[in-house]
PDB file of N, CA and C in Angstrom:
ATOM      1  N   MET A   1      20.698  22.877  63.357  1.00  0.00           N
ATOM      2  CA  MET A   1      21.442  23.662  62.383  1.00  0.00           C
ATOM      3  C   MET A   1      20.714  24.997  62.209  1.00  0.00           C
ATOM      4  N   SER A   2      21.469  26.063  62.167  1.00  0.00           N
ATOM      5  CA  SER A   2      20.856  27.379  62.043  1.00  0.00           C
ATOM      6  C   SER A   2      20.331  27.596  60.617  1.00  0.00           C
ATOM      7  N   PHE A   3      19.392  28.517  60.514  1.00  0.00           N
ATOM      8  CA  PHE A   3      18.804  28.853  59.221  1.00  0.00           C
ATOM      9  C   PHE A   3      19.867  29.400  58.261  1.00  0.00           C
ATOM     10  N   LYS A   4      20.770  30.264  58.753  1.00  0.00           N
ATOM     11  CA  LYS A   4      21.804  30.852  57.896  1.00  0.00           C
ATOM     12  C   LYS A   4      22.750  29.773  57.349  1.00  0.00           C
ATOM     13  N   LEU A   5      23.120  28.819  58.196  1.00  0.00           N
ATOM     14  CA  LEU A   5      23.991  27.740  57.751  1.00  0.00           C
ATOM     15  C   LEU A   5      23.289  26.877  56.711  1.00  0.00           C
ATOM     16  N   SER A   6      22.012  26.577  56.952  1.00  0.00           N
ATOM     17  CA  SER A   6      21.231  25.784  55.987  1.00  0.00           C
ATOM     18  C   SER A   6      21.148  26.487  54.645  1.00  0.00           C
ATOM     19  N   LEU A   7      20.880  27.774  54.674  1.00  0.00           N
ATOM     20  CA  LEU A   7      20.786  28.562  53.442  1.00  0.00           C
ATOM     21  C   LEU A   7      22.126  28.577  52.712  1.00  0.00           C
ATOM     22  N   ALA A   8      23.220  28.709  53.451  1.00  0.00           N
ATOM     23  CA  ALA A   8      24.552  28.712  52.836  1.00  0.00           C
ATOM     24  C   ALA A   8      24.853  27.371  52.172  1.00  0.00           C
ATOM     25  N   LEU A   9      24.499  26.268  52.825  1.00  0.00           N
ATOM     26  CA  LEU A   9      24.733  24.938  52.246  1.00  0.00           C
ATOM     27  C   LEU A   9      23.913  24.730  50.988  1.00  0.00           C
ATOM     28  N   VAL A  10      22.655  25.143  50.992  1.00  0.00           N
ATOM     29  CA  VAL A  10      21.796  25.009  49.809  1.00  0.00           C
ATOM     30  C   VAL A  10      22.353  25.857  48.670  1.00  0.00           C
ATOM     31  N   SER A  11      22.775  27.084  48.966  1.00  0.00           N
ATOM     32  CA  SER A  11      23.350  27.967  47.941  1.00  0.00           C
ATOM     33  C   SER A  11      24.593  27.357  47.335  1.00  0.00           C
ATOM     34  N   CYS A  12      25.435  26.766  48.175  1.00  0.00           N
ATOM     35  CA  CYS A  12      26.670  26.133  47.695  1.00  0.00           C
ATOM     36  C   CYS A  12      26.342  24.958  46.777  1.00  0.00           C
ATOM     37  N   ALA A  13      25.373  24.126  47.160  1.00  0.00           N
ATOM     38  CA  ALA A  13      24.986  22.972  46.334  1.00  0.00           C
ATOM     39  C   ALA A  13      24.449  23.434  44.985  1.00  0.00           C
ATOM     40  N   VAL A  14      23.659  24.487  44.958  1.00  0.00           N
ATOM     41  CA  VAL A  14      23.128  25.015  43.696  1.00  0.00           C
ATOM     42  C   VAL A  14      24.271  25.511  42.818  1.00  0.00           C
ATOM     43  N   CYS A  15      25.243  26.216  43.401  1.00  0.00           N
ATOM     44  CA  CYS A  15      26.390  26.710  42.631  1.00  0.00           C
ATOM     45  C   CYS A  15      27.190  25.559  42.040  1.00  0.00           C
ATOM     46  N   LEU A  16      27.438  24.518  42.822  1.00  0.00           N
ATOM     47  CA  LEU A  16      28.205  23.379  42.327  1.00  0.00           C
ATOM     48  C   LEU A  16      27.478  22.673  41.198  1.00  0.00           C
ATOM     49  N   ASN A  17      26.163  22.504  41.313  1.00  0.00           N
ATOM     50  CA  ASN A  17      25.382  21.840  40.272  1.00  0.00           C
ATOM     51  C   ASN A  17      25.403  22.667  38.997  1.00  0.00           C
ATOM     52  N   THR A  18      25.264  23.984  39.112  1.00  0.00           N
ATOM     53  CA  THR A  18      25.295  24.853  37.938  1.00  0.00           C
ATOM     54  C   THR A  18      26.661  24.790  37.266  1.00  0.00           C
ATOM     55  N   GLN A  19      27.723  24.802  38.034  1.00  0.00           N
ATOM     56  CA  GLN A  19      29.066  24.752  37.474  1.00  0.00           C
ATOM     57  C   GLN A  19      29.293  23.443  36.737  1.00  0.00           C
ATOM     58  N   ALA A  20      28.853  22.339  37.321  1.00  0.00           N
ATOM     59  CA  ALA A  20      29.066  21.034  36.695  1.00  0.00           C
ATOM     60  C   ALA A  20      28.363  20.966  35.350  1.00  0.00           C
ATOM     61  N   ALA A  21      27.142  21.455  35.285  1.00  0.00           N
ATOM     62  CA  ALA A  21      26.365  21.341  34.060  1.00  0.00           C
ATOM     63  C   ALA A  21      26.845  22.307  32.980  1.00  0.00           C
ATOM     64  N   SER A  22      27.589  23.367  33.343  1.00  0.00           N
ATOM     65  CA  SER A  22      28.014  24.328  32.327  1.00  0.00           C
ATOM     66  C   SER A  22      29.298  23.898  31.615  1.00  0.00           C
ATOM     67  N   LEU A  23      29.971  22.869  32.099  1.00  0.00           N
ATOM     68  CA  LEU A  23      31.183  22.376  31.451  1.00  0.00           C
ATOM     69  C   LEU A  23      30.839  21.904  30.038  1.00  0.00           C
ATOM     70  N   CYS A  24      31.601  22.327  29.053  1.00  0.00           N
ATOM     71  CA  CYS A  24      31.397  21.961  27.635  1.00  0.00           C
ATOM     72  C   CYS A  24      30.050  22.431  27.090  1.00  0.00           C
ATOM     73  N   GLU A  25      29.548  23.519  27.657  1.00  0.00           N
ATOM     74  CA  GLU A  25      28.285  24.113  27.202  1.00  0.00           C
ATOM     75  C   GLU A  25      27.088  23.167  27.388  1.00  0.00           C
ATOM     76  N   ILE A  26      27.183  22.240  28.331  1.00  0.00           N
ATOM     77  CA  ILE A  26      26.074  21.321  28.617  1.00  0.00           C
ATOM     78  C   ILE A  26      25.165  21.973  29.651  1.00  0.00           C
ATOM     79  N   ASP A  27      23.891  22.080  29.326  1.00  0.00           N
ATOM     80  CA  ASP A  27      22.915  22.630  30.257  1.00  0.00           C
ATOM     81  C   ASP A  27      22.514  21.566  31.280  1.00  0.00           C
ATOM     82  N   HIS A  28      22.157  20.380  30.777  1.00  0.00           N
ATOM     83  CA  HIS A  28      21.798  19.276  31.661  1.00  0.00           C
ATOM     84  C   HIS A  28      21.728  17.988  30.851  1.00  0.00           C
ATOM     85  N   VAL A  29      21.558  16.876  31.541  1.00  0.00           N
ATOM     86  CA  VAL A  29      21.331  15.591  30.889  1.00  0.00           C
ATOM     87  C   VAL A  29      20.033  15.031  31.435  1.00  0.00           C
ATOM     88  N   GLU A  30      19.390  14.194  30.620  1.00  0.00           N
ATOM     89  CA  GLU A  30      18.116  13.604  31.028  1.00  0.00           C
ATOM     90  C   GLU A  30      18.005  12.185  30.486  1.00  0.00           C
ATOM     91  N   HIS A  31      17.143  11.396  31.116  1.00  0.00           N
ATOM     92  CA  HIS A  31      16.923  10.025  30.656  1.00  0.00           C
ATOM     93  C   HIS A  31      16.260  10.049  29.276  1.00  0.00           C
ATOM     94  N   ALA A  32      16.640   9.103  28.419  1.00  0.00           N
ATOM     95  CA  ALA A  32      16.057   9.020  27.084  1.00  0.00           C
ATOM     96  C   ALA A  32      16.177   7.604  26.543  1.00  0.00           C
ATOM     97  N   ASP A  33      15.086   6.900  26.414  1.00  0.00           N
ATOM     98  CA  ASP A  33      15.004   5.602  25.742  1.00  0.00           C
ATOM     99  C   ASP A  33      16.227   4.703  25.966  1.00  0.00           C
ATOM    100  N   GLY A  34      16.469   4.313  27.206  1.00  0.00           N
ATOM    101  CA  GLY A  34      17.564   3.405  27.523  1.00  0.00           C
ATOM    102  C   GLY A  34      18.932   4.055  27.564  1.00  0.00           C
ATOM    103  N   GLY A  35      18.985   5.363  27.506  1.00  0.00           N
ATOM    104  CA  GLY A  35      20.255   6.066  27.515  1.00  0.00           C
ATOM    105  C   GLY A  35      20.135   7.423  28.166  1.00  0.00           C
ATOM    106  N   ILE A  36      21.015   8.304  27.756  1.00  0.00           N
ATOM    107  CA  ILE A  36      21.074   9.655  28.297  1.00  0.00           C
ATOM    108  C   ILE A  36      21.054  10.651  27.146  1.00  0.00           C
ATOM    109  N   ARG A  37      20.205  11.644  27.246  1.00  0.00           N
ATOM    110  CA  ARG A  37      20.149  12.725  26.257  1.00  0.00           C
ATOM    111  C   ARG A  37      20.928  13.912  26.818  1.00  0.00           C
ATOM    112  N   VAL A  38      21.873  14.410  26.027  1.00  0.00           N
ATOM    113  CA  VAL A  38      22.684  15.556  26.423  1.00  0.00           C
ATOM    114  C   VAL A  38      22.010  16.808  25.864  1.00  0.00           C
ATOM    115  N   VAL A  39      21.696  17.751  26.750  1.00  0.00           N
ATOM    116  CA  VAL A  39      21.052  19.000  26.339  1.00  0.00           C
ATOM    117  C   VAL A  39      22.064  20.127  26.516  1.00  0.00           C
ATOM    118  N   PHE A  40      22.398  20.771  25.416  1.00  0.00           N
ATOM    119  CA  PHE A  40      23.379  21.853  25.434  1.00  0.00           C
ATOM    120  C   PHE A  40      22.691  23.184  25.739  1.00  0.00           C
ATOM    121  N   ASN A  41      23.479  24.170  26.141  1.00  0.00           N
ATOM    122  CA  ASN A  41      22.947  25.502  26.405  1.00  0.00           C
ATOM    123  C   ASN A  41      22.186  26.010  25.188  1.00  0.00           C
ATOM    124  N   LYS A  42      21.164  26.782  25.430  1.00  0.00           N
ATOM    125  CA  LYS A  42      20.221  27.218  24.404  1.00  0.00           C
ATOM    126  C   LYS A  42      20.872  27.866  23.187  1.00  0.00           C
ATOM    127  N   ASP A  43      21.830  28.732  23.389  1.00  0.00           N
ATOM    128  CA  ASP A  43      22.428  29.467  22.268  1.00  0.00           C
ATOM    129  C   ASP A  43      23.695  28.821  21.725  1.00  0.00           C
ATOM    130  N   TYR A  44      23.993  27.598  22.164  1.00  0.00           N
ATOM    131  CA  TYR A  44      25.202  26.902  21.732  1.00  0.00           C
ATOM    132  C   TYR A  44      24.846  25.875  20.660  1.00  0.00           C
ATOM    133  N   HIS A  45      25.610  25.858  19.597  1.00  0.00           N
ATOM    134  CA  HIS A  45      25.402  24.907  18.506  1.00  0.00           C
ATOM    135  C   HIS A  45      26.650  24.026  18.413  1.00  0.00           C
ATOM    136  N   PRO A  46      26.607  22.872  19.097  1.00  0.00           N
ATOM    137  CA  PRO A  46      27.821  22.048  19.196  1.00  0.00           C
ATOM    138  C   PRO A  46      28.251  21.442  17.867  1.00  0.00           C
ATOM    139  N   ASN A  47      29.556  21.312  17.715  1.00  0.00           N
ATOM    140  CA  ASN A  47      30.134  20.624  16.565  1.00  0.00           C
ATOM    141  C   ASN A  47      30.443  19.197  17.028  1.00  0.00           C
ATOM    142  N   ILE A  48      29.436  18.335  16.948  1.00  0.00           N
ATOM    143  CA  ILE A  48      29.568  16.951  17.410  1.00  0.00           C
ATOM    144  C   ILE A  48      30.186  16.137  16.288  1.00  0.00           C
ATOM    145  N   LEU A  49      31.310  15.501  16.597  1.00  0.00           N
ATOM    146  CA  LEU A  49      32.096  14.824  15.565  1.00  0.00           C
ATOM    147  C   LEU A  49      31.587  13.440  15.214  1.00  0.00           C
ATOM    148  N   GLY A  50      30.702  12.894  16.013  1.00  0.00           N
ATOM    149  CA  GLY A  50      30.170  11.560  15.749  1.00  0.00           C
ATOM    150  C   GLY A  50      29.946  10.833  17.058  1.00  0.00           C
ATOM    151  N   ILE A  51      29.474   9.595  16.928  1.00  0.00           N
ATOM    152  CA  ILE A  51      29.222   8.770  18.115  1.00  0.00           C
ATOM    153  C   ILE A  51      29.884   7.416  17.904  1.00  0.00           C
ATOM    154  N   LYS A  52      30.696   7.020  18.852  1.00  0.00           N
ATOM    155  CA  LYS A  52      31.275   5.676  18.839  1.00  0.00           C
ATOM    156  C   LYS A  52      30.430   4.838  19.786  1.00  0.00           C
ATOM    157  N   ARG A  53      29.681   3.924  19.204  1.00  0.00           N
ATOM    158  CA  ARG A  53      28.787   3.080  19.995  1.00  0.00           C
ATOM    159  C   ARG A  53      29.588   2.011  20.731  1.00  0.00           C
ATOM    160  N   SER A  54      29.119   1.648  21.892  1.00  0.00           N
ATOM    161  CA  SER A  54      29.768   0.627  22.706  1.00  0.00           C
ATOM    162  C   SER A  54      29.931  -0.656  21.901  1.00  0.00           C
ATOM    163  N   GLY A  55      31.138  -1.203  21.882  1.00  0.00           N
ATOM    164  CA  GLY A  55      31.405  -2.447  21.169  1.00  0.00           C
ATOM    165  C   GLY A  55      31.734  -2.267  19.696  1.00  0.00           C
ATOM    166  N   SER A  56      31.683  -1.043  19.187  1.00  0.00           N
ATOM    167  CA  SER A  56      31.977  -0.786  17.773  1.00  0.00           C
ATOM    168  C   SER A  56      33.323  -0.084  17.651  1.00  0.00           C
ATOM    169  N   GLU A  57      34.017  -0.383  16.573  1.00  0.00           N
ATOM    170  CA  GLU A  57      35.307   0.267  16.321  1.00  0.00           C
ATOM    171  C   GLU A  57      35.150   1.542  15.501  1.00  0.00           C
ATOM    172  N   LYS A  58      34.018   1.689  14.822  1.00  0.00           N
ATOM    173  CA  LYS A  58      33.800   2.842  13.954  1.00  0.00           C
ATOM    174  C   LYS A  58      32.876   3.853  14.614  1.00  0.00           C
ATOM    175  N   ALA A  59      33.141   5.128  14.337  1.00  0.00           N
ATOM    176  CA  ALA A  59      32.239   6.179  14.794  1.00  0.00           C
ATOM    177  C   ALA A  59      31.187   6.398  13.716  1.00  0.00           C
ATOM    178  N   GLU A  60      29.947   6.566  14.152  1.00  0.00           N
ATOM    179  CA  GLU A  60      28.882   6.860  13.188  1.00  0.00           C
ATOM    180  C   GLU A  60      28.699   8.365  13.100  1.00  0.00           C
ATOM    181  N   GLY A  61      28.226   8.809  11.963  1.00  0.00           N
ATOM    182  CA  GLY A  61      28.014  10.235  11.750  1.00  0.00           C
ATOM    183  C   GLY A  61      26.932  10.789  12.648  1.00  0.00           C
ATOM    184  N   PHE A  62      26.888  12.086  12.743  1.00  0.00           N
ATOM    185  CA  PHE A  62      25.892  12.761  13.568  1.00  0.00           C
ATOM    186  C   PHE A  62      25.294  13.906  12.778  1.00  0.00           C
ATOM    187  N   ASN A  63      23.975  13.996  12.766  1.00  0.00           N
ATOM    188  CA  ASN A  63      23.289  15.070  12.052  1.00  0.00           C
ATOM    189  C   ASN A  63      23.163  16.292  12.954  1.00  0.00           C
ATOM    190  N   ALA A  64      23.691  17.421  12.507  1.00  0.00           N
ATOM    191  CA  ALA A  64      23.608  18.662  13.291  1.00  0.00           C
ATOM    192  C   ALA A  64      22.158  18.967  13.619  1.00  0.00           C
ATOM    193  N   GLY A  65      21.922  19.343  14.854  1.00  0.00           N
ATOM    194  CA  GLY A  65      20.571  19.685  15.295  1.00  0.00           C
ATOM    195  C   GLY A  65      19.801  18.513  15.868  1.00  0.00           C
ATOM    196  N   ALA A  66      20.257  17.288  15.628  1.00  0.00           N
ATOM    197  CA  ALA A  66      19.582  16.105  16.187  1.00  0.00           C
ATOM    198  C   ALA A  66      19.917  16.005  17.672  1.00  0.00           C
ATOM    199  N   PRO A  67      19.049  15.381  18.465  1.00  0.00           N
ATOM    200  CA  PRO A  67      19.388  15.200  19.881  1.00  0.00           C
ATOM    201  C   PRO A  67      20.556  14.224  20.025  1.00  0.00           C
ATOM    202  N   LEU A  68      21.435  14.500  20.974  1.00  0.00           N
ATOM    203  CA  LEU A  68      22.558  13.613  21.250  1.00  0.00           C
ATOM    204  C   LEU A  68      22.137  12.650  22.353  1.00  0.00           C
ATOM    205  N   VAL A  69      21.909  11.386  21.973  1.00  0.00           N
ATOM    206  CA  VAL A  69      21.512  10.349  22.923  1.00  0.00           C
ATOM    207  C   VAL A  69      22.597   9.277  22.942  1.00  0.00           C
ATOM    208  N   LEU A  70      23.137   9.029  24.128  1.00  0.00           N
ATOM    209  CA  LEU A  70      24.184   8.036  24.308  1.00  0.00           C
ATOM    210  C   LEU A  70      23.699   6.950  25.253  1.00  0.00           C
ATOM    211  N   LYS A  71      23.986   5.711  24.909  1.00  0.00           N
ATOM    212  CA  LYS A  71      23.683   4.577  25.781  1.00  0.00           C
ATOM    213  C   LYS A  71      24.964   4.176  26.491  1.00  0.00           C
ATOM    214  N   GLU A  72      24.851   3.395  27.547  1.00  0.00           N
ATOM    215  CA  GLU A  72      26.014   3.043  28.351  1.00  0.00           C
ATOM    216  C   GLU A  72      27.163   2.528  27.474  1.00  0.00           C
ATOM    217  N   GLY A  73      28.340   3.122  27.641  1.00  0.00           N
ATOM    218  CA  GLY A  73      29.530   2.740  26.879  1.00  0.00           C
ATOM    219  C   GLY A  73      29.736   3.543  25.614  1.00  0.00           C
ATOM    220  N   ASP A  74      28.726   4.279  25.155  1.00  0.00           N
ATOM    221  CA  ASP A  74      28.866   5.131  23.971  1.00  0.00           C
ATOM    222  C   ASP A  74      29.726   6.346  24.301  1.00  0.00           C
ATOM    223  N   GLU A  75      30.393   6.867  23.263  1.00  0.00           N
ATOM    224  CA  GLU A  75      31.258   8.022  23.440  1.00  0.00           C
ATOM    225  C   GLU A  75      31.085   8.978  22.267  1.00  0.00           C
ATOM    226  N   SER A  76      31.191  10.263  22.538  1.00  0.00           N
ATOM    227  CA  SER A  76      31.074  11.266  21.493  1.00  0.00           C
ATOM    228  C   SER A  76      32.078  12.378  21.759  1.00  0.00           C
ATOM    229  N   GLY A  77      32.474  13.065  20.697  1.00  0.00           N
ATOM    230  CA  GLY A  77      33.400  14.181  20.828  1.00  0.00           C
ATOM    231  C   GLY A  77      32.766  15.464  20.343  1.00  0.00           C
ATOM    232  N   VAL A  78      33.049  16.550  21.045  1.00  0.00           N
ATOM    233  CA  VAL A  78      32.542  17.869  20.684  1.00  0.00           C
ATOM    234  C   VAL A  78      33.743  18.784  20.490  1.00  0.00           C
ATOM    235  N   ASN A  79      33.889  19.297  19.276  1.00  0.00           N
ATOM    236  CA  ASN A  79      34.980  20.207  18.954  1.00  0.00           C
ATOM    237  C   ASN A  79      34.519  21.626  19.250  1.00  0.00           C
ATOM    238  N   GLN A  80      35.227  22.305  20.151  1.00  0.00           N
ATOM    239  CA  GLN A  80      34.847  23.664  20.523  1.00  0.00           C
ATOM    240  C   GLN A  80      35.856  24.689  20.020  1.00  0.00           C
ATOM    241  N   GLY A  81      36.691  24.308  19.100  1.00  0.00           N
ATOM    242  CA  GLY A  81      37.699  25.216  18.566  1.00  0.00           C
ATOM    243  C   GLY A  81      38.997  24.465  18.368  1.00  0.00           C
ATOM    244  N   PRO A  82      40.008  25.139  17.840  1.00  0.00           N
ATOM    245  CA  PRO A  82      41.244  24.431  17.512  1.00  0.00           C
ATOM    246  C   PRO A  82      42.000  23.874  18.717  1.00  0.00           C
ATOM    247  N   HIS A  83      41.743  24.403  19.910  1.00  0.00           N
ATOM    248  CA  HIS A  83      42.486  23.949  21.090  1.00  0.00           C
ATOM    249  C   HIS A  83      41.560  23.578  22.243  1.00  0.00           C
ATOM    250  N   ASP A  84      40.290  23.381  21.950  1.00  0.00           N
ATOM    251  CA  ASP A  84      39.288  23.138  22.986  1.00  0.00           C
ATOM    252  C   ASP A  84      38.407  21.975  22.533  1.00  0.00           C
ATOM    253  N   PHE A  85      38.395  20.889  23.294  1.00  0.00           N
ATOM    254  CA  PHE A  85      37.695  19.674  22.882  1.00  0.00           C
ATOM    255  C   PHE A  85      37.057  19.010  24.100  1.00  0.00           C
ATOM    256  N   CYS A  86      35.914  18.387  23.893  1.00  0.00           N
ATOM    257  CA  CYS A  86      35.242  17.649  24.962  1.00  0.00           C
ATOM    258  C   CYS A  86      34.949  16.223  24.496  1.00  0.00           C
ATOM    259  N   THR A  87      35.133  15.297  25.414  1.00  0.00           N
ATOM    260  CA  THR A  87      34.742  13.915  25.186  1.00  0.00           C
ATOM    261  C   THR A  87      33.623  13.596  26.167  1.00  0.00           C
ATOM    262  N   LEU A  88      32.540  13.027  25.646  1.00  0.00           N
ATOM    263  CA  LEU A  88      31.380  12.670  26.471  1.00  0.00           C
ATOM    264  C   LEU A  88      31.221  11.161  26.415  1.00  0.00           C
ATOM    265  N   ARG A  89      31.140  10.523  27.579  1.00  0.00           N
ATOM    266  CA  ARG A  89      30.991   9.065  27.640  1.00  0.00           C
ATOM    267  C   ARG A  89      29.871   8.718  28.598  1.00  0.00           C
ATOM    268  N   ALA A  90      28.917   7.917  28.122  1.00  0.00           N
ATOM    269  CA  ALA A  90      27.822   7.458  28.980  1.00  0.00           C
ATOM    270  C   ALA A  90      28.310   6.282  29.816  1.00  0.00           C
ATOM    271  N   GLU A  91      28.233   6.439  31.117  1.00  0.00           N
ATOM    272  CA  GLU A  91      28.653   5.352  32.008  1.00  0.00           C
ATOM    273  C   GLU A  91      27.926   5.459  33.337  1.00  0.00           C
ATOM    274  N   LYS A  92      28.039   4.398  34.117  1.00  0.00           N
ATOM    275  CA  LYS A  92      27.388   4.374  35.423  1.00  0.00           C
ATOM    276  C   LYS A  92      28.374   4.748  36.511  1.00  0.00           C
ATOM    277  N   LYS A  93      27.882   5.535  37.454  1.00  0.00           N
ATOM    278  CA  LYS A  93      28.650   5.888  38.640  1.00  0.00           C
ATOM    279  C   LYS A  93      27.683   5.785  39.814  1.00  0.00           C
ATOM    280  N   ASP A  94      28.065   5.013  40.808  1.00  0.00           N
ATOM    281  CA  ASP A  94      27.198   4.769  41.957  1.00  0.00           C
ATOM    282  C   ASP A  94      25.827   4.244  41.522  1.00  0.00           C
ATOM    283  N   GLY A  95      25.824   3.410  40.479  1.00  0.00           N
ATOM    284  CA  GLY A  95      24.597   2.795  39.997  1.00  0.00           C
ATOM    285  C   GLY A  95      23.716   3.686  39.141  1.00  0.00           C
ATOM    286  N   LYS A  96      24.143   4.926  38.862  1.00  0.00           N
ATOM    287  CA  LYS A  96      23.347   5.854  38.057  1.00  0.00           C
ATOM    288  C   LYS A  96      24.027   6.087  36.710  1.00  0.00           C
ATOM    289  N   LEU A  97      23.241   5.971  35.638  1.00  0.00           N
ATOM    290  CA  LEU A  97      23.753   6.254  34.304  1.00  0.00           C
ATOM    291  C   LEU A  97      23.801   7.756  34.099  1.00  0.00           C
ATOM    292  N   GLY A  98      24.947   8.241  33.659  1.00  0.00           N
ATOM    293  CA  GLY A  98      25.132   9.660  33.399  1.00  0.00           C
ATOM    294  C   GLY A  98      26.204   9.852  32.350  1.00  0.00           C
ATOM    295  N   ILE A  99      26.706  11.062  32.262  1.00  0.00           N
ATOM    296  CA  ILE A  99      27.724  11.406  31.277  1.00  0.00           C
ATOM    297  C   ILE A  99      29.007  11.802  32.001  1.00  0.00           C
ATOM    298  N   LEU A 100      30.108  11.122  31.657  1.00  0.00           N
ATOM    299  CA  LEU A 100      31.418  11.538  32.131  1.00  0.00           C
ATOM    300  C   LEU A 100      31.963  12.500  31.084  1.00  0.00           C
ATOM    301  N   ILE A 101      32.222  13.710  31.500  1.00  0.00           N
ATOM    302  CA  ILE A 101      32.703  14.755  30.605  1.00  0.00           C
ATOM    303  C   ILE A 101      34.191  14.950  30.844  1.00  0.00           C
ATOM    304  N   LYS A 102      34.958  14.962  29.762  1.00  0.00           N
ATOM    305  CA  LYS A 102      36.374  15.310  29.842  1.00  0.00           C
ATOM    306  C   LYS A 102      36.571  16.517  28.932  1.00  0.00           C
ATOM    307  N   ALA A 103      36.941  17.635  29.528  1.00  0.00           N
ATOM    308  CA  ALA A 103      37.160  18.869  28.775  1.00  0.00           C
ATOM    309  C   ALA A 103      38.652  19.132  28.683  1.00  0.00           C
ATOM    310  N   ASN A 104      39.141  19.256  27.455  1.00  0.00           N
ATOM    311  CA  ASN A 104      40.560  19.541  27.207  1.00  0.00           C
ATOM    312  C   ASN A 104      40.692  20.942  26.647  1.00  0.00           C
ATOM    313  N   ASN A 105      41.506  21.753  27.296  1.00  0.00           N
ATOM    314  CA  ASN A 105      41.784  23.085  26.802  1.00  0.00           C
ATOM    315  C   ASN A 105      43.299  23.208  26.718  1.00  0.00           C
ATOM    316  N   HIS A 106      43.824  23.178  25.503  1.00  0.00           N
ATOM    317  CA  HIS A 106      45.276  23.187  25.292  1.00  0.00           C
ATOM    318  C   HIS A 106      45.658  24.350  24.381  1.00  0.00           C
ATOM    319  N   ILE A 107      45.561  25.548  24.902  1.00  0.00           N
ATOM    320  CA  ILE A 107      45.890  26.758  24.149  1.00  0.00           C
ATOM    321  C   ILE A 107      47.405  26.961  24.191  1.00  0.00           C
ATOM    322  N   PRO A 108      48.046  27.163  23.037  1.00  0.00           N
ATOM    323  CA  PRO A 108      49.500  27.374  23.020  1.00  0.00           C
ATOM    324  C   PRO A 108      49.900  28.544  23.917  1.00  0.00           C
ATOM    325  N   GLY A 109      50.966  28.342  24.682  1.00  0.00           N
ATOM    326  CA  GLY A 109      51.468  29.393  25.553  1.00  0.00           C
ATOM    327  C   GLY A 109      50.843  29.403  26.939  1.00  0.00           C
ATOM    328  N   ILE A 110      49.820  28.587  27.148  1.00  0.00           N
ATOM    329  CA  ILE A 110      49.147  28.494  28.449  1.00  0.00           C
ATOM    330  C   ILE A 110      49.202  27.035  28.879  1.00  0.00           C
ATOM    331  N   ALA A 111      49.373  26.818  30.163  1.00  0.00           N
ATOM    332  CA  ALA A 111      49.425  25.445  30.675  1.00  0.00           C
ATOM    333  C   ALA A 111      48.143  24.698  30.286  1.00  0.00           C
ATOM    334  N   PRO A 112      48.263  23.462  29.778  1.00  0.00           N
ATOM    335  CA  PRO A 112      47.073  22.695  29.392  1.00  0.00           C
ATOM    336  C   PRO A 112      46.171  22.433  30.586  1.00  0.00           C
ATOM    337  N   SER A 113      44.896  22.369  30.312  1.00  0.00           N
ATOM    338  CA  SER A 113      43.898  22.143  31.350  1.00  0.00           C
ATOM    339  C   SER A 113      42.979  20.999  30.928  1.00  0.00           C
ATOM    340  N   ASP A 114      42.892  19.976  31.754  1.00  0.00           N
ATOM    341  CA  ASP A 114      41.970  18.860  31.535  1.00  0.00           C
ATOM    342  C   ASP A 114      41.058  18.780  32.751  1.00  0.00           C
ATOM    343  N   ARG A 115      39.749  18.860  32.516  1.00  0.00           N
ATOM    344  CA  ARG A 115      38.780  18.788  33.617  1.00  0.00           C
ATOM    345  C   ARG A 115      37.845  17.616  33.374  1.00  0.00           C
ATOM    346  N   PHE A 116      37.460  16.951  34.454  1.00  0.00           N
ATOM    347  CA  PHE A 116      36.527  15.826  34.400  1.00  0.00           C
ATOM    348  C   PHE A 116      35.323  16.155  35.269  1.00  0.00           C
ATOM    349  N   GLU A 117      34.159  15.760  34.804  1.00  0.00           N
ATOM    350  CA  GLU A 117      32.937  15.975  35.574  1.00  0.00           C
ATOM    351  C   GLU A 117      31.949  14.875  35.214  1.00  0.00           C
ATOM    352  N   PHE A 118      31.266  14.323  36.199  1.00  0.00           N
ATOM    353  CA  PHE A 118      30.206  13.357  35.962  1.00  0.00           C
ATOM    354  C   PHE A 118      28.884  14.060  36.205  1.00  0.00           C
ATOM    355  N   VAL A 119      27.974  13.998  35.218  1.00  0.00           N
ATOM    356  CA  VAL A 119      26.681  14.636  35.339  1.00  0.00           C
ATOM    357  C   VAL A 119      25.605  13.577  35.119  1.00  0.00           C
ATOM    358  N   ALA A 120      24.750  13.409  36.119  1.00  0.00           N
ATOM    359  CA  ALA A 120      23.637  12.454  36.032  1.00  0.00           C
ATOM    360  C   ALA A 120      22.340  13.226  35.884  1.00  0.00           C
ATOM    361  N   PRO A 121      21.315  12.586  35.322  1.00  0.00           N
ATOM    362  CA  PRO A 121      20.004  13.263  35.236  1.00  0.00           C
ATOM    363  C   PRO A 121      19.497  13.632  36.625  1.00  0.00           C
ATOM    364  N   ALA A 122      18.784  14.749  36.703  1.00  0.00           N
ATOM    365  CA  ALA A 122      18.258  15.209  37.983  1.00  0.00           C
ATOM    366  C   ALA A 122      17.218  14.251  38.539  1.00  0.00           C
ATOM    367  N   LYS A 123      16.461  13.597  37.672  1.00  0.00           N
ATOM    368  CA  LYS A 123      15.396  12.681  38.123  1.00  0.00           C
ATOM    369  C   LYS A 123      15.676  11.288  37.669  1.00  0.00           C
TER     370      LYS A 123
END
């Protein structure tokens, strides 16, 4: 494989990883005490609506500024405005625990957009 082709493939992989992690203002996810810690972009202050723990019917409250840690099956919602919402669910894909992100953007007058992305910890 030529050096230019190798460089192009590496650049493409870096772009895809950056794009995946920027969905819903998420910088990255990391392992945390039996679960996954969601780390948001530095200047973003998420409006986290609560956490629905796996096996529970009720959502528990969330303290602003606290780390968001989800264990397998847990789900949380992030309100990003009146027509922009994200659902984060900790689940396994290919044997790796990560966060399945569903981003809903339903602005009146524009076709609705729903995007899904799975983000696993880098290590």
